[in-house]
């Protein structure tokens, strides 16, 4: 049993990485808040290496508006086209 400990560590790391990936994809605002909170906690530490890591982990500031980092760059510049309309035909039952 003592030789299998590294397999448990690898599985735990894979599960943790999957959890982080899932949270970042499904709840980006929550992950941004968690990342900002952790970076702020690191910045309050006295050791300069922790502070450097905290500065590195700070998420980018969003300035709002298109291209300001507030969205993923959808390219919507206000020239939205009207949605395509389709004719619906109802058929009688036989």
PDB file of N, CA and C in Angstrom:
ATOM      1  N   UNK A   1       0.812  -1.189   0.000  1.00  0.00           N
ATOM      2  CA  UNK A   1       0.000   0.000   0.000  1.00  0.00           C
ATOM      3  C   UNK A   1       0.861   1.260   0.000  1.00  0.00           C
ATOM      4  N   UNK A   2       2.075   1.140   0.520  1.00  0.00           N
ATOM      5  CA  UNK A   2       2.931   2.321   0.618  1.00  0.00           C
ATOM      6  C   UNK A   2       3.439   2.788  -0.748  1.00  0.00           C
ATOM      7  N   UNK A   3       3.430   1.928  -1.759  1.00  0.00           N
ATOM      8  CA  UNK A   3       3.914   2.335  -3.082  1.00  0.00           C
ATOM      9  C   UNK A   3       2.822   2.972  -3.931  1.00  0.00           C
ATOM     10  N   UNK A   4       1.587   2.938  -3.485  1.00  0.00           N
ATOM     11  CA  UNK A   4       0.492   3.501  -4.268  1.00  0.00           C
ATOM     12  C   UNK A   4       0.147   4.934  -3.889  1.00  0.00           C
ATOM     13  N   UNK A   5       0.858   5.538  -2.951  1.00  0.00           N
ATOM     14  CA  UNK A   5       0.518   6.883  -2.506  1.00  0.00           C
ATOM     15  C   UNK A   5       0.618   7.895  -3.629  1.00  0.00           C
ATOM     16  N   UNK A   6       1.577   7.732  -4.542  1.00  0.00           N
ATOM     17  CA  UNK A   6       1.748   8.682  -5.631  1.00  0.00           C
ATOM     18  C   UNK A   6       0.567   8.642  -6.598  1.00  0.00           C
ATOM     19  N   UNK A   7      -0.090   7.467  -6.739  1.00  0.00           N
ATOM     20  CA  UNK A   7      -1.278   7.403  -7.591  1.00  0.00           C
ATOM     21  C   UNK A   7      -2.421   8.219  -7.002  1.00  0.00           C
ATOM     22  N   UNK A   8      -2.568   8.176  -5.688  1.00  0.00           N
ATOM     23  CA  UNK A   8      -3.590   8.977  -5.026  1.00  0.00           C
ATOM     24  C   UNK A   8      -3.305  10.469  -5.185  1.00  0.00           C
ATOM     25  N   UNK A   9      -2.046  10.835  -5.133  1.00  0.00           N
ATOM     26  CA  UNK A   9      -1.675  12.237  -5.314  1.00  0.00           C
ATOM     27  C   UNK A   9      -1.989  12.694  -6.739  1.00  0.00           C
ATOM     28  N   UNK A  10      -1.687  11.877  -7.725  1.00  0.00           N
ATOM     29  CA  UNK A  10      -1.967  12.224  -9.115  1.00  0.00           C
ATOM     30  C   UNK A  10      -3.464  12.343  -9.355  1.00  0.00           C
ATOM     31  N   UNK A  11      -4.242  11.404  -8.826  1.00  0.00           N
ATOM     32  CA  UNK A  11      -5.698  11.468  -8.986  1.00  0.00           C
ATOM     33  C   UNK A  11      -6.260  12.710  -8.299  1.00  0.00           C
ATOM     34  N   UNK A  12      -5.759  13.042  -7.123  1.00  0.00           N
ATOM     35  CA  UNK A  12      -6.220  14.237  -6.414  1.00  0.00           C
ATOM     36  C   UNK A  12      -5.884  15.504  -7.200  1.00  0.00           C
ATOM     37  N   UNK A  13      -4.705  15.555  -7.802  1.00  0.00           N
ATOM     38  CA  UNK A  13      -4.332  16.713  -8.613  1.00  0.00           C
ATOM     39  C   UNK A  13      -5.207  16.831  -9.854  1.00  0.00           C
ATOM     40  N   UNK A  14      -5.509  15.712 -10.485  1.00  0.00           N
ATOM     41  CA  UNK A  14      -6.386  15.738 -11.662  1.00  0.00           C
ATOM     42  C   UNK A  14      -7.799  16.183 -11.309  1.00  0.00           C
ATOM     43  N   UNK A  15      -8.312  15.718 -10.190  1.00  0.00           N
ATOM     44  CA  UNK A  15      -9.650  16.125  -9.750  1.00  0.00           C
ATOM     45  C   UNK A  15      -9.657  17.614  -9.417  1.00  0.00           C
ATOM     46  N   UNK A  16      -8.624  18.098  -8.749  1.00  0.00           N
ATOM     47  CA  UNK A  16      -8.545  19.514  -8.410  1.00  0.00           C
ATOM     48  C   UNK A  16      -8.445  20.379  -9.667  1.00  0.00           C
ATOM     49  N   UNK A  17      -7.650  19.955 -10.639  1.00  0.00           N
ATOM     50  CA  UNK A  17      -7.531  20.704 -11.888  1.00  0.00           C
ATOM     51  C   UNK A  17      -8.859  20.717 -12.651  1.00  0.00           C
ATOM     52  N   UNK A  18      -9.567  19.603 -12.645  1.00  0.00           N
ATOM     53  CA  UNK A  18     -10.867  19.541 -13.300  1.00  0.00           C
ATOM     54  C   UNK A  18     -11.877  20.459 -12.619  1.00  0.00           C
ATOM     55  N   UNK A  19     -11.828  20.509 -11.308  1.00  0.00           N
ATOM     56  CA  UNK A  19     -12.728  21.382 -10.560  1.00  0.00           C
ATOM     57  C   UNK A  19     -12.447  22.856 -10.859  1.00  0.00           C
ATOM     58  N   UNK A  20     -11.168  23.224 -10.901  1.00  0.00           N
ATOM     59  CA  UNK A  20     -10.802  24.606 -11.218  1.00  0.00           C
ATOM     60  C   UNK A  20     -11.256  24.957 -12.633  1.00  0.00           C
ATOM     61  N   UNK A  21     -11.029  24.071 -13.579  1.00  0.00           N
ATOM     62  CA  UNK A  21     -11.441  24.311 -14.957  1.00  0.00           C
ATOM     63  C   UNK A  21     -12.959  24.473 -15.051  1.00  0.00           C
ATOM     64  N   UNK A  22     -13.709  23.624 -14.348  1.00  0.00           N
ATOM     65  CA  UNK A  22     -15.163  23.686 -14.384  1.00  0.00           C
ATOM     66  C   UNK A  22     -15.665  25.006 -13.806  1.00  0.00           C
ATOM     67  N   UNK A  23     -15.109  25.430 -12.680  1.00  0.00           N
ATOM     68  CA  UNK A  23     -15.556  26.685 -12.067  1.00  0.00           C
ATOM     69  C   UNK A  23     -15.235  27.863 -12.973  1.00  0.00           C
ATOM     70  N   UNK A  24     -14.073  27.858 -13.588  1.00  0.00           N
ATOM     71  CA  UNK A  24     -13.700  28.976 -14.475  1.00  0.00           C
ATOM     72  C   UNK A  24     -14.579  29.039 -15.708  1.00  0.00           C
ATOM     73  N   UNK A  25     -15.021  27.897 -16.212  1.00  0.00           N
ATOM     74  CA  UNK A  25     -15.877  27.882 -17.401  1.00  0.00           C
ATOM     75  C   UNK A  25     -17.342  28.164 -17.070  1.00  0.00           C
ATOM     76  N   UNK A  26     -17.836  27.607 -15.978  1.00  0.00           N
ATOM     77  CA  UNK A  26     -19.263  27.722 -15.671  1.00  0.00           C
ATOM     78  C   UNK A  26     -19.599  28.927 -14.804  1.00  0.00           C
ATOM     79  N   UNK A  27     -18.667  29.423 -14.036  1.00  0.00           N
ATOM     80  CA  UNK A  27     -18.919  30.574 -13.168  1.00  0.00           C
ATOM     81  C   UNK A  27     -17.721  31.521 -13.226  1.00  0.00           C
ATOM     82  N   UNK A  28     -17.543  32.240 -14.340  1.00  0.00           N
ATOM     83  CA  UNK A  28     -16.350  33.086 -14.466  1.00  0.00           C
ATOM     84  C   UNK A  28     -16.321  34.240 -13.471  1.00  0.00           C
ATOM     85  N   UNK A  29     -17.472  34.818 -13.130  1.00  0.00           N
ATOM     86  CA  UNK A  29     -17.467  35.922 -12.165  1.00  0.00           C
ATOM     87  C   UNK A  29     -17.051  35.434 -10.785  1.00  0.00           C
ATOM     88  N   UNK A  30     -17.529  34.268 -10.390  1.00  0.00           N
ATOM     89  CA  UNK A  30     -17.153  33.693  -9.101  1.00  0.00           C
ATOM     90  C   UNK A  30     -15.664  33.381  -9.064  1.00  0.00           C
ATOM     91  N   UNK A  31     -15.148  32.792 -10.129  1.00  0.00           N
ATOM     92  CA  UNK A  31     -13.719  32.467 -10.139  1.00  0.00           C
ATOM     93  C   UNK A  31     -12.874  33.738 -10.153  1.00  0.00           C
ATOM     94  N   UNK A  32     -13.363  34.798 -10.794  1.00  0.00           N
ATOM     95  CA  UNK A  32     -12.643  36.067 -10.793  1.00  0.00           C
ATOM     96  C   UNK A  32     -12.575  36.625  -9.378  1.00  0.00           C
ATOM     97  N   UNK A  33     -13.698  36.568  -8.643  1.00  0.00           N
ATOM     98  CA  UNK A  33     -13.716  37.061  -7.264  1.00  0.00           C
ATOM     99  C   UNK A  33     -12.781  36.242  -6.378  1.00  0.00           C
ATOM    100  N   UNK A  34     -12.800  34.922  -6.524  1.00  0.00           N
ATOM    101  CA  UNK A  34     -11.915  34.059  -5.730  1.00  0.00           C
ATOM    102  C   UNK A  34     -10.451  34.353  -6.038  1.00  0.00           C
ATOM    103  N   UNK A  35     -10.143  34.510  -7.333  1.00  0.00           N
ATOM    104  CA  UNK A  35      -8.767  34.790  -7.726  1.00  0.00           C
ATOM    105  C   UNK A  35      -8.332  36.149  -7.197  1.00  0.00           C
ATOM    106  N   UNK A  36      -9.191  37.151  -7.268  1.00  0.00           N
ATOM    107  CA  UNK A  36      -8.853  38.478  -6.756  1.00  0.00           C
ATOM    108  C   UNK A  36      -8.683  38.443  -5.240  1.00  0.00           C
ATOM    109  N   UNK A  37      -9.527  37.694  -4.552  1.00  0.00           N
ATOM    110  CA  UNK A  37      -9.401  37.580  -3.100  1.00  0.00           C
ATOM    111  C   UNK A  37      -8.113  36.891  -2.687  1.00  0.00           C
ATOM    112  N   UNK A  38      -7.761  35.826  -3.380  1.00  0.00           N
ATOM    113  CA  UNK A  38      -6.518  35.113  -3.070  1.00  0.00           C
ATOM    114  C   UNK A  38      -5.307  35.993  -3.368  1.00  0.00           C
ATOM    115  N   UNK A  39      -5.350  36.733  -4.492  1.00  0.00           N
ATOM    116  CA  UNK A  39      -4.240  37.621  -4.824  1.00  0.00           C
ATOM    117  C   UNK A  39      -4.115  38.739  -3.792  1.00  0.00           C
ATOM    118  N   UNK A  40      -5.237  39.288  -3.320  1.00  0.00           N
ATOM    119  CA  UNK A  40      -5.193  40.330  -2.289  1.00  0.00           C
ATOM    120  C   UNK A  40      -4.623  39.771  -0.988  1.00  0.00           C
ATOM    121  N   UNK A  41      -4.977  38.542  -0.652  1.00  0.00           N
ATOM    122  CA  UNK A  41      -4.436  37.909   0.551  1.00  0.00           C
ATOM    123  C   UNK A  41      -2.923  37.749   0.432  1.00  0.00           C
ATOM    124  N   UNK A  42      -2.463  37.350  -0.760  1.00  0.00           N
ATOM    125  CA  UNK A  42      -1.021  37.202  -0.966  1.00  0.00           C
ATOM    126  C   UNK A  42      -0.305  38.548  -0.903  1.00  0.00           C
ATOM    127  N   UNK A  43      -0.940  39.596  -1.390  1.00  0.00           N
ATOM    128  CA  UNK A  43      -0.315  40.922  -1.366  1.00  0.00           C
ATOM    129  C   UNK A  43      -0.147  41.459   0.051  1.00  0.00           C
ATOM    130  N   UNK A  44      -0.945  40.980   0.993  1.00  0.00           N
ATOM    131  CA  UNK A  44      -0.828  41.424   2.377  1.00  0.00           C
ATOM    132  C   UNK A  44       0.282  40.700   3.139  1.00  0.00           C
ATOM    133  N   UNK A  45       0.876  39.670   2.552  1.00  0.00           N
ATOM    134  CA  UNK A  45       1.968  38.945   3.216  1.00  0.00           C
ATOM    135  C   UNK A  45       3.228  39.806   3.201  1.00  0.00           C
ATOM    136  N   UNK A  46       4.120  39.558   4.134  1.00  0.00           N
ATOM    137  CA  UNK A  46       5.340  40.364   4.250  1.00  0.00           C
ATOM    138  C   UNK A  46       6.441  39.923   3.283  1.00  0.00           C
ATOM    139  N   UNK A  47       6.477  38.667   2.937  1.00  0.00           N
ATOM    140  CA  UNK A  47       7.558  38.174   2.089  1.00  0.00           C
ATOM    141  C   UNK A  47       7.361  38.672   0.659  1.00  0.00           C
ATOM    142  N   UNK A  48       8.389  39.178   0.044  1.00  0.00           N
ATOM    143  CA  UNK A  48       8.264  39.806  -1.275  1.00  0.00           C
ATOM    144  C   UNK A  48       7.898  38.804  -2.369  1.00  0.00           C
ATOM    145  N   UNK A  49       8.284  37.552  -2.193  1.00  0.00           N
ATOM    146  CA  UNK A  49       7.920  36.552  -3.210  1.00  0.00           C
ATOM    147  C   UNK A  49       6.418  36.275  -3.209  1.00  0.00           C
ATOM    148  N   UNK A  50       5.797  36.261  -2.026  1.00  0.00           N
ATOM    149  CA  UNK A  50       4.346  36.093  -1.964  1.00  0.00           C
ATOM    150  C   UNK A  50       3.658  37.288  -2.616  1.00  0.00           C
ATOM    151  N   UNK A  51       4.180  38.494  -2.371  1.00  0.00           N
ATOM    152  CA  UNK A  51       3.591  39.679  -2.971  1.00  0.00           C
ATOM    153  C   UNK A  51       3.739  39.670  -4.494  1.00  0.00           C
ATOM    154  N   UNK A  52       4.880  39.204  -4.979  1.00  0.00           N
ATOM    155  CA  UNK A  52       5.079  39.113  -6.429  1.00  0.00           C
ATOM    156  C   UNK A  52       4.102  38.107  -7.042  1.00  0.00           C
ATOM    157  N   UNK A  53       3.891  36.985  -6.352  1.00  0.00           N
ATOM    158  CA  UNK A  53       2.923  36.003  -6.837  1.00  0.00           C
ATOM    159  C   UNK A  53       1.519  36.595  -6.822  1.00  0.00           C
ATOM    160  N   UNK A  54       1.197  37.368  -5.782  1.00  0.00           N
ATOM    161  CA  UNK A  54      -0.110  38.015  -5.709  1.00  0.00           C
ATOM    162  C   UNK A  54      -0.325  39.001  -6.837  1.00  0.00           C
ATOM    163  N   UNK A  55       0.720  39.783  -7.176  1.00  0.00           N
ATOM    164  CA  UNK A  55       0.608  40.719  -8.307  1.00  0.00           C
ATOM    165  C   UNK A  55       0.432  39.970  -9.616  1.00  0.00           C
ATOM    166  N   UNK A  56       1.093  38.824  -9.726  1.00  0.00           N
ATOM    167  CA  UNK A  56       0.985  38.018 -10.948  1.00  0.00           C
ATOM    168  C   UNK A  56      -0.413  37.410 -11.090  1.00  0.00           C
ATOM    169  N   UNK A  57      -1.012  37.035  -9.966  1.00  0.00           N
ATOM    170  CA  UNK A  57      -2.323  36.379  -9.998  1.00  0.00           C
ATOM    171  C   UNK A  57      -3.495  37.349 -10.079  1.00  0.00           C
ATOM    172  N   UNK A  58      -3.253  38.652  -9.912  1.00  0.00           N
ATOM    173  CA  UNK A  58      -4.357  39.604  -9.987  1.00  0.00           C
ATOM    174  C   UNK A  58      -5.033  39.506 -11.355  1.00  0.00           C
ATOM    175  N   UNK A  59      -6.357  39.360 -11.376  1.00  0.00           N
ATOM    176  CA  UNK A  59      -7.044  39.322 -12.663  1.00  0.00           C
ATOM    177  C   UNK A  59      -7.027  40.710 -13.299  1.00  0.00           C
ATOM    178  N   UNK A  60      -7.092  40.777 -14.628  1.00  0.00           N
ATOM    179  CA  UNK A  60      -7.074  42.085 -15.285  1.00  0.00           C
ATOM    180  C   UNK A  60      -8.321  42.888 -14.921  1.00  0.00           C
ATOM    181  N   UNK A  61      -8.151  44.190 -14.802  1.00  0.00           N
ATOM    182  CA  UNK A  61      -9.282  45.052 -14.483  1.00  0.00           C
ATOM    183  C   UNK A  61     -10.138  45.247 -15.719  1.00  0.00           C
ATOM    184  N   UNK A  62     -11.438  45.209 -15.532  1.00  0.00           N
ATOM    185  CA  UNK A  62     -12.343  45.456 -16.655  1.00  0.00           C
ATOM    186  C   UNK A  62     -12.794  46.904 -16.586  1.00  0.00           C
ATOM    187  N   UNK A  63     -12.654  47.613 -17.697  1.00  0.00           N
ATOM    188  CA  UNK A  63     -13.021  49.014 -17.741  1.00  0.00           C
ATOM    189  C   UNK A  63     -14.423  49.215 -18.273  1.00  0.00           C
ATOM    190  N   UNK A  64     -15.062  48.153 -18.715  1.00  0.00           N
ATOM    191  CA  UNK A  64     -16.415  48.277 -19.254  1.00  0.00           C
ATOM    192  C   UNK A  64     -16.381  48.638 -20.727  1.00  0.00           C
ATOM    193  N   UNK A  65     -17.478  48.407 -21.363  1.00  0.00           N
ATOM    194  CA  UNK A  65     -17.559  48.721 -22.782  1.00  0.00           C
ATOM    195  C   UNK A  65     -16.911  47.654 -23.631  1.00  0.00           C
ATOM    196  N   UNK A  66     -17.074  47.784 -24.896  1.00  0.00           N
ATOM    197  CA  UNK A  66     -16.525  46.799 -25.820  1.00  0.00           C
ATOM    198  C   UNK A  66     -15.016  46.982 -25.940  1.00  0.00           C
ATOM    199  N   UNK A  67     -14.292  45.922 -25.826  1.00  0.00           N
ATOM    200  CA  UNK A  67     -12.847  45.969 -25.938  1.00  0.00           C
ATOM    201  C   UNK A  67     -12.158  46.380 -24.664  1.00  0.00           C
ATOM    202  N   UNK A  68     -12.895  46.634 -23.600  1.00  0.00           N
ATOM    203  CA  UNK A  68     -12.291  47.062 -22.351  1.00  0.00           C
ATOM    204  C   UNK A  68     -11.999  45.921 -21.418  1.00  0.00           C
ATOM    205  N   UNK A  69     -12.167  44.698 -21.864  1.00  0.00           N
ATOM    206  CA  UNK A  69     -11.914  43.560 -21.015  1.00  0.00           C
ATOM    207  C   UNK A  69     -13.150  43.095 -20.271  1.00  0.00           C
ATOM    208  N   UNK A  70     -14.290  43.752 -20.509  1.00  0.00           N
ATOM    209  CA  UNK A  70     -15.512  43.383 -19.813  1.00  0.00           C
ATOM    210  C   UNK A  70     -16.166  42.160 -20.438  1.00  0.00           C
ATOM    211  N   UNK A  71     -15.813  41.869 -21.653  1.00  0.00           N
ATOM    212  CA  UNK A  71     -16.411  40.694 -22.305  1.00  0.00           C
ATOM    213  C   UNK A  71     -15.308  39.949 -23.044  1.00  0.00           C
ATOM    214  N   UNK A  72     -15.709  38.949 -23.787  1.00  0.00           N
ATOM    215  CA  UNK A  72     -14.719  38.149 -24.497  1.00  0.00           C
ATOM    216  C   UNK A  72     -14.483  38.635 -25.922  1.00  0.00           C
ATOM    217  N   UNK A  73     -14.864  39.877 -26.241  1.00  0.00           N
ATOM    218  CA  UNK A  73     -14.632  40.406 -27.576  1.00  0.00           C
ATOM    219  C   UNK A  73     -15.570  39.816 -28.597  1.00  0.00           C
ATOM    220  N   UNK A  74     -16.861  39.913 -28.327  1.00  0.00           N
ATOM    221  CA  UNK A  74     -17.846  39.281 -29.192  1.00  0.00           C
ATOM    222  C   UNK A  74     -17.914  39.948 -30.548  1.00  0.00           C
ATOM    223  N   UNK A  75     -17.428  41.179 -30.666  1.00  0.00           N
ATOM    224  CA  UNK A  75     -17.444  41.854 -31.953  1.00  0.00           C
ATOM    225  C   UNK A  75     -18.758  42.546 -32.239  1.00  0.00           C
ATOM    226  N   UNK A  76     -19.646  42.621 -31.283  1.00  0.00           N
ATOM    227  CA  UNK A  76     -20.925  43.292 -31.476  1.00  0.00           C
ATOM    228  C   UNK A  76     -20.711  44.784 -31.303  1.00  0.00           C
ATOM    229  N   UNK A  77     -20.724  45.514 -32.416  1.00  0.00           N
ATOM    230  CA  UNK A  77     -20.480  46.949 -32.348  1.00  0.00           C
ATOM    231  C   UNK A  77     -21.758  47.758 -32.546  1.00  0.00           C
ATOM    232  N   UNK A  78     -22.903  47.149 -32.322  1.00  0.00           N
ATOM    233  CA  UNK A  78     -24.161  47.880 -32.412  1.00  0.00           C
ATOM    234  C   UNK A  78     -24.849  47.760 -33.761  1.00  0.00           C
ATOM    235  N   UNK A  79     -24.201  47.211 -34.752  1.00  0.00           N
ATOM    236  CA  UNK A  79     -24.812  47.052 -36.071  1.00  0.00           C
ATOM    237  C   UNK A  79     -25.486  45.693 -36.168  1.00  0.00           C
ATOM    238  N   UNK A  80     -26.388  45.445 -35.232  1.00  0.00           N
ATOM    239  CA  UNK A  80     -27.056  44.143 -35.185  1.00  0.00           C
ATOM    240  C   UNK A  80     -28.070  44.033 -36.311  1.00  0.00           C
ATOM    241  N   UNK A  81     -28.088  42.900 -36.960  1.00  0.00           N
ATOM    242  CA  UNK A  81     -29.041  42.659 -38.027  1.00  0.00           C
ATOM    243  C   UNK A  81     -30.334  42.138 -37.427  1.00  0.00           C
ATOM    244  N   UNK A  82     -31.423  42.379 -38.150  1.00  0.00           N
ATOM    245  CA  UNK A  82     -32.711  41.873 -37.698  1.00  0.00           C
ATOM    246  C   UNK A  82     -32.691  40.347 -37.747  1.00  0.00           C
ATOM    247  N   UNK A  83     -33.336  39.687 -36.783  1.00  0.00           N
ATOM    248  CA  UNK A  83     -33.343  38.225 -36.812  1.00  0.00           C
ATOM    249  C   UNK A  83     -34.095  37.718 -38.040  1.00  0.00           C
ATOM    250  N   UNK A  84     -33.633  36.590 -38.534  1.00  0.00           N
ATOM    251  CA  UNK A  84     -34.282  35.997 -39.689  1.00  0.00           C
ATOM    252  C   UNK A  84     -35.664  35.499 -39.300  1.00  0.00           C
ATOM    253  N   UNK A  85     -36.643  35.801 -40.147  1.00  0.00           N
ATOM    254  CA  UNK A  85     -38.003  35.356 -39.870  1.00  0.00           C
ATOM    255  C   UNK A  85     -38.332  34.181 -40.774  1.00  0.00           C
ATOM    256  N   UNK A  86     -39.010  33.213 -40.205  1.00  0.00           N
ATOM    257  CA  UNK A  86     -39.420  32.048 -40.973  1.00  0.00           C
ATOM    258  C   UNK A  86     -40.923  31.907 -40.859  1.00  0.00           C
ATOM    259  N   UNK A  87     -41.533  31.507 -41.955  1.00  0.00           N
ATOM    260  CA  UNK A  87     -42.971  31.315 -41.990  1.00  0.00           C
ATOM    261  C   UNK A  87     -43.299  29.954 -41.371  1.00  0.00           C
ATOM    262  N   UNK A  88     -44.286  29.932 -40.476  1.00  0.00           N
ATOM    263  CA  UNK A  88     -44.703  28.687 -39.833  1.00  0.00           C
ATOM    264  C   UNK A  88     -45.983  28.215 -40.503  1.00  0.00           C
ATOM    265  N   UNK A  89     -46.005  26.957 -40.900  1.00  0.00           N
ATOM    266  CA  UNK A  89     -47.184  26.384 -41.536  1.00  0.00           C
ATOM    267  C   UNK A  89     -47.733  25.299 -40.641  1.00  0.00           C
ATOM    268  N   UNK A  90     -49.029  25.406 -40.317  1.00  0.00           N
ATOM    269  CA  UNK A  90     -49.699  24.399 -39.514  1.00  0.00           C
ATOM    270  C   UNK A  90     -50.457  23.446 -40.424  1.00  0.00           C
ATOM    271  N   UNK A  91     -50.344  22.153 -40.178  1.00  0.00           N
ATOM    272  CA  UNK A  91     -51.037  21.142 -40.976  1.00  0.00           C
ATOM    273  C   UNK A  91     -52.091  20.476 -40.118  1.00  0.00           C
ATOM    274  N   UNK A  92     -53.247  20.214 -40.767  1.00  0.00           N
ATOM    275  CA  UNK A  92     -54.323  19.506 -40.057  1.00  0.00           C
ATOM    276  C   UNK A  92     -53.988  18.053 -39.869  1.00  0.00           C
ATOM    277  N   UNK A  93     -54.494  17.512 -38.766  1.00  0.00           N
ATOM    278  CA  UNK A  93     -54.350  16.080 -38.565  1.00  0.00           C
ATOM    279  C   UNK A  93     -55.306  15.363 -39.479  1.00  0.00           C
ATOM    280  N   UNK A  94     -54.933  14.203 -39.892  1.00  0.00           N
ATOM    281  CA  UNK A  94     -55.821  13.419 -40.742  1.00  0.00           C
ATOM    282  C   UNK A  94     -56.569  12.407 -39.973  1.00  0.00           C
TER     283      UNK A  94
END
